[in-house]
Amino acid sequence: MRNPGGYGITFQPDSDKVQEEDTFTCCHCNRIVIVPPFKSPSDIGGWYCTMCDKPACQGCNGKGCTPFEKKLEEIERRDQFRRSIGI
C-alpha cells in the first residue's frame, strides 16, 4: 500500500520476536487493518470509500458512508436526550 497511514509493532509474549507491519484505520468502524507488504488495499478487501475518500475495511466497504465520528456524535445526542427526560 502506498500510504498505509499507520505502523503496528506486535510483541509476542512467549518469545523475543517482534512483528512490524503497516496498518490503516477504517473510517467507518475504526477497525485497524494490517496491510501485508507490497499489497494494494483491493487485494486485502478494503479500498477508499467513494463518499468520504478515506480507507475502509472489507466489512464496511460498499455499505454506505457513515464516518465513525458521526456515529459517536449520534450516540452522544441520544445520551443527552435520555438524560434530559430522566432516563
PDB file of N, CA and C in Angstrom:
ATOM      1  N   MET A   1       0.853  -1.168   0.000  1.00  0.00           N
ATOM      2  CA  MET A   1       0.000   0.000   0.000  1.00  0.00           C
ATOM      3  C   MET A   1       0.895   1.224   0.000  1.00  0.00           C
ATOM      4  N   ARG A   2       0.582   2.173  -0.814  1.00  0.00           N
ATOM      5  CA  ARG A   2       1.439   3.347  -0.978  1.00  0.00           C
ATOM      6  C   ARG A   2       1.511   4.193   0.288  1.00  0.00           C
ATOM      7  N   ASN A   3       0.379   4.559   0.870  1.00  0.00           N
ATOM      8  CA  ASN A   3       0.343   5.356   2.095  1.00  0.00           C
ATOM      9  C   ASN A   3      -0.533   4.652   3.127  1.00  0.00           C
ATOM     10  N   PRO A   4       0.024   3.720   3.897  1.00  0.00           N
ATOM     11  CA  PRO A   4      -0.808   2.945   4.803  1.00  0.00           C
ATOM     12  C   PRO A   4      -1.428   3.763   5.925  1.00  0.00           C
ATOM     13  N   GLY A   5      -0.753   4.795   6.399  1.00  0.00           N
ATOM     14  CA  GLY A   5      -1.324   5.653   7.422  1.00  0.00           C
ATOM     15  C   GLY A   5      -1.012   5.231   8.834  1.00  0.00           C
ATOM     16  N   GLY A   6      -0.540   4.032   9.047  1.00  0.00           N
ATOM     17  CA  GLY A   6      -0.235   3.577  10.398  1.00  0.00           C
ATOM     18  C   GLY A   6       0.893   2.566  10.396  1.00  0.00           C
ATOM     19  N   TYR A   7       1.401   2.305  11.587  1.00  0.00           N
ATOM     20  CA  TYR A   7       2.503   1.375  11.723  1.00  0.00           C
ATOM     21  C   TYR A   7       2.293   0.614  13.018  1.00  0.00           C
ATOM     22  N   GLY A   8       2.216  -0.705  12.936  1.00  0.00           N
ATOM     23  CA  GLY A   8       1.967  -1.523  14.114  1.00  0.00           C
ATOM     24  C   GLY A   8       3.177  -2.334  14.500  1.00  0.00           C
ATOM     25  N   ILE A   9       3.428  -2.433  15.801  1.00  0.00           N
ATOM     26  CA  ILE A   9       4.502  -3.264  16.339  1.00  0.00           C
ATOM     27  C   ILE A   9       3.861  -4.225  17.323  1.00  0.00           C
ATOM     28  N   THR A  10       4.023  -5.531  17.074  1.00  0.00           N
ATOM     29  CA  THR A  10       3.441  -6.563  17.919  1.00  0.00           C
ATOM     30  C   THR A  10       4.546  -7.331  18.608  1.00  0.00           C
ATOM     31  N   PHE A  11       4.419  -7.468  19.918  1.00  0.00           N
ATOM     32  CA  PHE A  11       5.379  -8.235  20.702  1.00  0.00           C
ATOM     33  C   PHE A  11       4.746  -9.564  21.088  1.00  0.00           C
ATOM     34  N   GLN A  12       5.477 -10.648  20.882  1.00  0.00           N
ATOM     35  CA  GLN A  12       4.999 -11.968  21.261  1.00  0.00           C
ATOM     36  C   GLN A  12       5.337 -12.211  22.736  1.00  0.00           C
ATOM     37  N   PRO A  13       4.384 -12.629  23.559  1.00  0.00           N
ATOM     38  CA  PRO A  13       4.657 -12.786  24.987  1.00  0.00           C
ATOM     39  C   PRO A  13       5.616 -13.929  25.319  1.00  0.00           C
ATOM     40  N   ASP A  14       5.662 -14.979  24.492  1.00  0.00           N
ATOM     41  CA  ASP A  14       6.488 -16.138  24.808  1.00  0.00           C
ATOM     42  C   ASP A  14       7.907 -16.050  24.272  1.00  0.00           C
ATOM     43  N   SER A  15       8.169 -15.118  23.376  1.00  0.00           N
ATOM     44  CA  SER A  15       9.499 -15.043  22.768  1.00  0.00           C
ATOM     45  C   SER A  15       9.913 -13.591  22.604  1.00  0.00           C
ATOM     46  N   ASP A  16      11.090 -13.398  22.069  1.00  0.00           N
ATOM     47  CA  ASP A  16      11.600 -12.055  21.816  1.00  0.00           C
ATOM     48  C   ASP A  16      11.244 -11.574  20.421  1.00  0.00           C
ATOM     49  N   LYS A  17      10.371 -12.296  19.741  1.00  0.00           N
ATOM     50  CA  LYS A  17      10.007 -11.959  18.369  1.00  0.00           C
ATOM     51  C   LYS A  17       9.163 -10.680  18.337  1.00  0.00           C
ATOM     52  N   VAL A  18       9.543  -9.772  17.458  1.00  0.00           N
ATOM     53  CA  VAL A  18       8.814  -8.521  17.256  1.00  0.00           C
ATOM     54  C   VAL A  18       8.346  -8.494  15.805  1.00  0.00           C
ATOM     55  N   GLN A  19       7.054  -8.240  15.614  1.00  0.00           N
ATOM     56  CA  GLN A  19       6.499  -8.185  14.265  1.00  0.00           C
ATOM     57  C   GLN A  19       6.098  -6.748  13.968  1.00  0.00           C
ATOM     58  N   GLU A  20       6.588  -6.223  12.868  1.00  0.00           N
ATOM     59  CA  GLU A  20       6.276  -4.856  12.460  1.00  0.00           C
ATOM     60  C   GLU A  20       5.492  -4.895  11.154  1.00  0.00           C
ATOM     61  N   GLU A  21       4.455  -4.064  11.060  1.00  0.00           N
ATOM     62  CA  GLU A  21       3.612  -4.086   9.872  1.00  0.00           C
ATOM     63  C   GLU A  21       2.938  -2.738   9.656  1.00  0.00           C
ATOM     64  N   ASP A  22       2.592  -2.484   8.388  1.00  0.00           N
ATOM     65  CA  ASP A  22       1.843  -1.278   8.044  1.00  0.00           C
ATOM     66  C   ASP A  22       0.367  -1.527   8.331  1.00  0.00           C
ATOM     67  N   THR A  23      -0.337  -0.464   8.725  1.00  0.00           N
ATOM     68  CA  THR A  23      -1.756  -0.575   9.037  1.00  0.00           C
ATOM     69  C   THR A  23      -2.513   0.638   8.501  1.00  0.00           C
ATOM     70  N   PHE A  24      -3.833   0.506   8.437  1.00  0.00           N
ATOM     71  CA  PHE A  24      -4.692   1.669   8.252  1.00  0.00           C
ATOM     72  C   PHE A  24      -5.916   1.471   9.120  1.00  0.00           C
ATOM     73  N   THR A  25      -6.569   2.558   9.484  1.00  0.00           N
ATOM     74  CA  THR A  25      -7.759   2.511  10.326  1.00  0.00           C
ATOM     75  C   THR A  25      -8.979   2.790   9.463  1.00  0.00           C
ATOM     76  N   CYS A  26      -9.967   1.912   9.554  1.00  0.00           N
ATOM     77  CA  CYS A  26     -11.199   2.078   8.782  1.00  0.00           C
ATOM     78  C   CYS A  26     -11.913   3.339   9.251  1.00  0.00           C
ATOM     79  N   CYS A  27     -12.342   4.145   8.312  1.00  0.00           N
ATOM     80  CA  CYS A  27     -13.005   5.410   8.641  1.00  0.00           C
ATOM     81  C   CYS A  27     -14.436   5.213   9.124  1.00  0.00           C
ATOM     82  N   HIS A  28     -15.010   4.025   8.914  1.00  0.00           N
ATOM     83  CA  HIS A  28     -16.402   3.797   9.287  1.00  0.00           C
ATOM     84  C   HIS A  28     -16.560   3.046  10.607  1.00  0.00           C
ATOM     85  N   CYS A  29     -15.697   2.079  10.900  1.00  0.00           N
ATOM     86  CA  CYS A  29     -15.848   1.291  12.128  1.00  0.00           C
ATOM     87  C   CYS A  29     -14.658   1.433  13.072  1.00  0.00           C
ATOM     88  N   ASN A  30     -13.626   2.127  12.649  1.00  0.00           N
ATOM     89  CA  ASN A  30     -12.428   2.372  13.449  1.00  0.00           C
ATOM     90  C   ASN A  30     -11.605   1.099  13.676  1.00  0.00           C
ATOM     91  N   ARG A  31     -11.798   0.087  12.845  1.00  0.00           N
ATOM     92  CA  ARG A  31     -11.034  -1.151  12.923  1.00  0.00           C
ATOM     93  C   ARG A  31      -9.639  -0.922  12.355  1.00  0.00           C
ATOM     94  N   ILE A  32      -8.629  -1.503  12.992  1.00  0.00           N
ATOM     95  CA  ILE A  32      -7.263  -1.413  12.485  1.00  0.00           C
ATOM     96  C   ILE A  32      -7.032  -2.610  11.578  1.00  0.00           C
ATOM     97  N   VAL A  33      -6.620  -2.339  10.335  1.00  0.00           N
ATOM     98  CA  VAL A  33      -6.408  -3.381   9.332  1.00  0.00           C
ATOM     99  C   VAL A  33      -4.920  -3.471   9.025  1.00  0.00           C
ATOM    100  N   ILE A  34      -4.373  -4.683   9.097  1.00  0.00           N
ATOM    101  CA  ILE A  34      -2.963  -4.914   8.796  1.00  0.00           C
ATOM    102  C   ILE A  34      -2.812  -5.062   7.290  1.00  0.00           C
ATOM    103  N   VAL A  35      -1.844  -4.345   6.726  1.00  0.00           N
ATOM    104  CA  VAL A  35      -1.600  -4.365   5.292  1.00  0.00           C
ATOM    105  C   VAL A  35      -0.315  -5.152   5.032  1.00  0.00           C
ATOM    106  N   PRO A  36      -0.411  -6.296   4.335  1.00  0.00           N
ATOM    107  CA  PRO A  36       0.798  -7.050   4.009  1.00  0.00           C
ATOM    108  C   PRO A  36       1.722  -6.240   3.091  1.00  0.00           C
ATOM    109  N   PRO A  37       3.026  -6.493   3.146  1.00  0.00           N
ATOM    110  CA  PRO A  37       3.954  -5.747   2.300  1.00  0.00           C
ATOM    111  C   PRO A  37       3.649  -5.917   0.810  1.00  0.00           C
ATOM    112  N   PHE A  38       3.764  -4.827   0.077  1.00  0.00           N
ATOM    113  CA  PHE A  38       3.606  -4.791  -1.376  1.00  0.00           C
ATOM    114  C   PHE A  38       2.205  -5.188  -1.847  1.00  0.00           C
ATOM    115  N   LYS A  39       1.195  -5.019  -1.014  1.00  0.00           N
ATOM    116  CA  LYS A  39      -0.181  -5.322  -1.403  1.00  0.00           C
ATOM    117  C   LYS A  39      -0.950  -4.018  -1.567  1.00  0.00           C
ATOM    118  N   SER A  40      -1.899  -4.030  -2.475  1.00  0.00           N
ATOM    119  CA  SER A  40      -2.786  -2.877  -2.614  1.00  0.00           C
ATOM    120  C   SER A  40      -4.006  -3.134  -1.732  1.00  0.00           C
ATOM    121  N   PRO A  41      -4.731  -2.095  -1.348  1.00  0.00           N
ATOM    122  CA  PRO A  41      -5.895  -2.293  -0.490  1.00  0.00           C
ATOM    123  C   PRO A  41      -6.953  -3.203  -1.111  1.00  0.00           C
ATOM    124  N   SER A  42      -7.093  -3.184  -2.427  1.00  0.00           N
ATOM    125  CA  SER A  42      -8.099  -4.033  -3.058  1.00  0.00           C
ATOM    126  C   SER A  42      -7.741  -5.512  -2.936  1.00  0.00           C
ATOM    127  N   ASP A  43      -6.449  -5.839  -2.826  1.00  0.00           N
ATOM    128  CA  ASP A  43      -6.027  -7.227  -2.662  1.00  0.00           C
ATOM    129  C   ASP A  43      -6.423  -7.788  -1.298  1.00  0.00           C
ATOM    130  N   ILE A  44      -6.553  -6.926  -0.299  1.00  0.00           N
ATOM    131  CA  ILE A  44      -6.913  -7.400   1.042  1.00  0.00           C
ATOM    132  C   ILE A  44      -8.371  -7.117   1.374  1.00  0.00           C
ATOM    133  N   GLY A  45      -9.136  -6.640   0.397  1.00  0.00           N
ATOM    134  CA  GLY A  45     -10.573  -6.467   0.568  1.00  0.00           C
ATOM    135  C   GLY A  45     -11.019  -5.074   0.939  1.00  0.00           C
ATOM    136  N   GLY A  46     -10.123  -4.169   1.166  1.00  0.00           N
ATOM    137  CA  GLY A  46     -10.506  -2.814   1.519  1.00  0.00           C
ATOM    138  C   GLY A  46     -10.181  -1.853   0.392  1.00  0.00           C
ATOM    139  N   TRP A  47     -10.752  -0.691   0.456  1.00  0.00           N
ATOM    140  CA  TRP A  47     -10.455   0.345  -0.522  1.00  0.00           C
ATOM    141  C   TRP A  47     -10.952   1.655   0.039  1.00  0.00           C
ATOM    142  N   TYR A  48     -10.694   2.726  -0.674  1.00  0.00           N
ATOM    143  CA  TYR A  48     -11.144   4.031  -0.213  1.00  0.00           C
ATOM    144  C   TYR A  48     -12.636   4.192  -0.461  1.00  0.00           C
ATOM    145  N   CYS A  49     -13.337   4.713   0.529  1.00  0.00           N
ATOM    146  CA  CYS A  49     -14.767   4.986   0.411  1.00  0.00           C
ATOM    147  C   CYS A  49     -14.960   6.052  -0.662  1.00  0.00           C
ATOM    148  N   THR A  50     -15.914   5.843  -1.538  1.00  0.00           N
ATOM    149  CA  THR A  50     -16.131   6.795  -2.622  1.00  0.00           C
ATOM    150  C   THR A  50     -16.805   8.076  -2.141  1.00  0.00           C
ATOM    151  N   MET A  51     -17.450   8.030  -0.975  1.00  0.00           N
ATOM    152  CA  MET A  51     -18.129   9.217  -0.454  1.00  0.00           C
ATOM    153  C   MET A  51     -17.176  10.128   0.324  1.00  0.00           C
ATOM    154  N   CYS A  52     -16.398   9.559   1.253  1.00  0.00           N
ATOM    155  CA  CYS A  52     -15.540  10.392   2.100  1.00  0.00           C
ATOM    156  C   CYS A  52     -14.066  10.314   1.694  1.00  0.00           C
ATOM    157  N   ASP A  53     -13.727   9.444   0.750  1.00  0.00           N
ATOM    158  CA  ASP A  53     -12.371   9.305   0.222  1.00  0.00           C
ATOM    159  C   ASP A  53     -11.350   8.972   1.304  1.00  0.00           C
ATOM    160  N   LYS A  54     -11.735   8.085   2.223  1.00  0.00           N
ATOM    161  CA  LYS A  54     -10.851   7.613   3.281  1.00  0.00           C
ATOM    162  C   LYS A  54     -10.823   6.091   3.231  1.00  0.00           C
ATOM    163  N   PRO A  55      -9.780   5.446   3.784  1.00  0.00           N
ATOM    164  CA  PRO A  55      -9.700   3.985   3.707  1.00  0.00           C
ATOM    165  C   PRO A  55     -10.799   3.298   4.509  1.00  0.00           C
ATOM    166  N   ALA A  56     -11.397   2.267   3.921  1.00  0.00           N
ATOM    167  CA  ALA A  56     -12.450   1.490   4.570  1.00  0.00           C
ATOM    168  C   ALA A  56     -12.059   0.013   4.537  1.00  0.00           C
ATOM    169  N   CYS A  57     -12.419  -0.715   5.594  1.00  0.00           N
ATOM    170  CA  CYS A  57     -12.094  -2.140   5.668  1.00  0.00           C
ATOM    171  C   CYS A  57     -13.042  -2.948   4.785  1.00  0.00           C
ATOM    172  N   GLN A  58     -12.769  -4.234   4.678  1.00  0.00           N
ATOM    173  CA  GLN A  58     -13.575  -5.108   3.834  1.00  0.00           C
ATOM    174  C   GLN A  58     -15.016  -5.192   4.340  1.00  0.00           C
ATOM    175  N   GLY A  59     -15.212  -5.195   5.639  1.00  0.00           N
ATOM    176  CA  GLY A  59     -16.555  -5.302   6.202  1.00  0.00           C
ATOM    177  C   GLY A  59     -17.424  -4.080   5.939  1.00  0.00           C
ATOM    178  N   CYS A  60     -16.819  -2.906   5.877  1.00  0.00           N
ATOM    179  CA  CYS A  60     -17.579  -1.664   5.690  1.00  0.00           C
ATOM    180  C   CYS A  60     -17.618  -1.206   4.239  1.00  0.00           C
ATOM    181  N   ASN A  61     -16.780  -1.761   3.401  1.00  0.00           N
ATOM    182  CA  ASN A  61     -16.681  -1.331   2.017  1.00  0.00           C
ATOM    183  C   ASN A  61     -17.990  -1.629   1.281  1.00  0.00           C
ATOM    184  N   GLY A  62     -18.606  -0.606   0.710  1.00  0.00           N
ATOM    185  CA  GLY A  62     -19.820  -0.767  -0.068  1.00  0.00           C
ATOM    186  C   GLY A  62     -21.107  -0.742   0.740  1.00  0.00           C
ATOM    187  N   LYS A  63     -21.056  -0.440   2.039  1.00  0.00           N
ATOM    188  CA  LYS A  63     -22.252  -0.431   2.875  1.00  0.00           C
ATOM    189  C   LYS A  63     -22.767   0.971   3.150  1.00  0.00           C
ATOM    190  N   GLY A  64     -22.362   1.938   2.365  1.00  0.00           N
ATOM    191  CA  GLY A  64     -22.769   3.310   2.623  1.00  0.00           C
ATOM    192  C   GLY A  64     -21.699   4.026   3.429  1.00  0.00           C
ATOM    193  N   CYS A  65     -21.861   5.313   3.571  1.00  0.00           N
ATOM    194  CA  CYS A  65     -20.833   6.119   4.233  1.00  0.00           C
ATOM    195  C   CYS A  65     -21.384   6.758   5.502  1.00  0.00           C
ATOM    196  N   THR A  66     -20.995   6.203   6.637  1.00  0.00           N
ATOM    197  CA  THR A  66     -21.285   6.807   7.933  1.00  0.00           C
ATOM    198  C   THR A  66     -19.971   6.819   8.704  1.00  0.00           C
ATOM    199  N   PRO A  67     -19.251   7.946   8.682  1.00  0.00           N
ATOM    200  CA  PRO A  67     -17.956   8.010   9.372  1.00  0.00           C
ATOM    201  C   PRO A  67     -18.110   7.740  10.868  1.00  0.00           C
ATOM    202  N   PHE A  68     -17.055   7.218  11.466  1.00  0.00           N
ATOM    203  CA  PHE A  68     -17.054   6.839  12.872  1.00  0.00           C
ATOM    204  C   PHE A  68     -17.362   8.035  13.770  1.00  0.00           C
ATOM    205  N   GLU A  69     -16.820   9.203  13.440  1.00  0.00           N
ATOM    206  CA  GLU A  69     -17.079  10.408  14.235  1.00  0.00           C
ATOM    207  C   GLU A  69     -18.567  10.749  14.247  1.00  0.00           C
ATOM    208  N   LYS A  70     -19.234  10.565  13.121  1.00  0.00           N
ATOM    209  CA  LYS A  70     -20.670  10.847  13.040  1.00  0.00           C
ATOM    210  C   LYS A  70     -21.456   9.880  13.920  1.00  0.00           C
ATOM    211  N   LYS A  71     -21.027   8.608  13.955  1.00  0.00           N
ATOM    212  CA  LYS A  71     -21.681   7.629  14.821  1.00  0.00           C
ATOM    213  C   LYS A  71     -21.532   8.033  16.286  1.00  0.00           C
ATOM    214  N   LEU A  72     -20.345   8.497  16.679  1.00  0.00           N
ATOM    215  CA  LEU A  72     -20.125   8.935  18.056  1.00  0.00           C
ATOM    216  C   LEU A  72     -20.999  10.136  18.405  1.00  0.00           C
ATOM    217  N   GLU A  73     -21.134  11.078  17.480  1.00  0.00           N
ATOM    218  CA  GLU A  73     -21.987  12.245  17.721  1.00  0.00           C
ATOM    219  C   GLU A  73     -23.445  11.830  17.918  1.00  0.00           C
ATOM    220  N   GLU A  74     -23.925  10.848  17.144  1.00  0.00           N
ATOM    221  CA  GLU A  74     -25.295  10.361  17.304  1.00  0.00           C
ATOM    222  C   GLU A  74     -25.488   9.706  18.662  1.00  0.00           C
ATOM    223  N   ILE A  75     -24.511   8.947  19.129  1.00  0.00           N
ATOM    224  CA  ILE A  75     -24.585   8.308  20.443  1.00  0.00           C
ATOM    225  C   ILE A  75     -24.625   9.370  21.542  1.00  0.00           C
ATOM    226  N   GLU A  76     -23.808  10.412  21.417  1.00  0.00           N
ATOM    227  CA  GLU A  76     -23.804  11.486  22.410  1.00  0.00           C
ATOM    228  C   GLU A  76     -25.141  12.228  22.431  1.00  0.00           C
ATOM    229  N   ARG A  77     -25.708  12.500  21.261  1.00  0.00           N
ATOM    230  CA  ARG A  77     -27.010  13.172  21.201  1.00  0.00           C
ATOM    231  C   ARG A  77     -28.102  12.323  21.848  1.00  0.00           C
ATOM    232  N   ARG A  78     -28.071  11.017  21.583  1.00  0.00           N
ATOM    233  CA  ARG A  78     -29.042  10.102  22.171  1.00  0.00           C
ATOM    234  C   ARG A  78     -28.918  10.093  23.696  1.00  0.00           C
ATOM    235  N   ASP A  79     -27.674  10.094  24.198  1.00  0.00           N
ATOM    236  CA  ASP A  79     -27.450  10.111  25.639  1.00  0.00           C
ATOM    237  C   ASP A  79     -27.945  11.416  26.253  1.00  0.00           C
ATOM    238  N   GLN A  80     -27.671  12.554  25.602  1.00  0.00           N
ATOM    239  CA  GLN A  80     -28.150  13.828  26.120  1.00  0.00           C
ATOM    240  C   GLN A  80     -29.669  13.871  26.156  1.00  0.00           C
ATOM    241  N   PHE A  81     -30.317  13.326  25.141  1.00  0.00           N
ATOM    242  CA  PHE A  81     -31.783  13.290  25.117  1.00  0.00           C
ATOM    243  C   PHE A  81     -32.315  12.451  26.260  1.00  0.00           C
ATOM    244  N   ARG A  82     -31.736  11.269  26.476  1.00  0.00           N
ATOM    245  CA  ARG A  82     -32.184  10.385  27.560  1.00  0.00           C
ATOM    246  C   ARG A  82     -31.996  11.051  28.921  1.00  0.00           C
ATOM    247  N   ARG A  83     -30.889  11.747  29.096  1.00  0.00           N
ATOM    248  CA  ARG A  83     -30.657  12.455  30.377  1.00  0.00           C
ATOM    249  C   ARG A  83     -31.655  13.588  30.566  1.00  0.00           C
ATOM    250  N   SER A  84     -32.018  14.255  29.477  1.00  0.00           N
ATOM    251  CA  SER A  84     -32.942  15.386  29.585  1.00  0.00           C
ATOM    252  C   SER A  84     -34.358  14.956  29.985  1.00  0.00           C
ATOM    253  N   ILE A  85     -34.754  13.730  29.626  1.00  0.00           N
ATOM    254  CA  ILE A  85     -36.077  13.252  30.010  1.00  0.00           C
ATOM    255  C   ILE A  85     -36.026  12.361  31.244  1.00  0.00           C
ATOM    256  N   GLY A  86     -34.841  12.200  31.829  1.00  0.00           N
ATOM    257  CA  GLY A  86     -34.715  11.486  33.096  1.00  0.00           C
ATOM    258  C   GLY A  86     -34.573   9.981  33.000  1.00  0.00           C
ATOM    259  N   ILE A  87     -34.114   9.481  31.897  1.00  0.00           N
ATOM    260  CA  ILE A  87     -33.915   8.023  31.758  1.00  0.00           C
ATOM    261  C   ILE A  87     -32.509   7.667  32.161  1.00  0.00           C
TER     262      ILE A  87
END
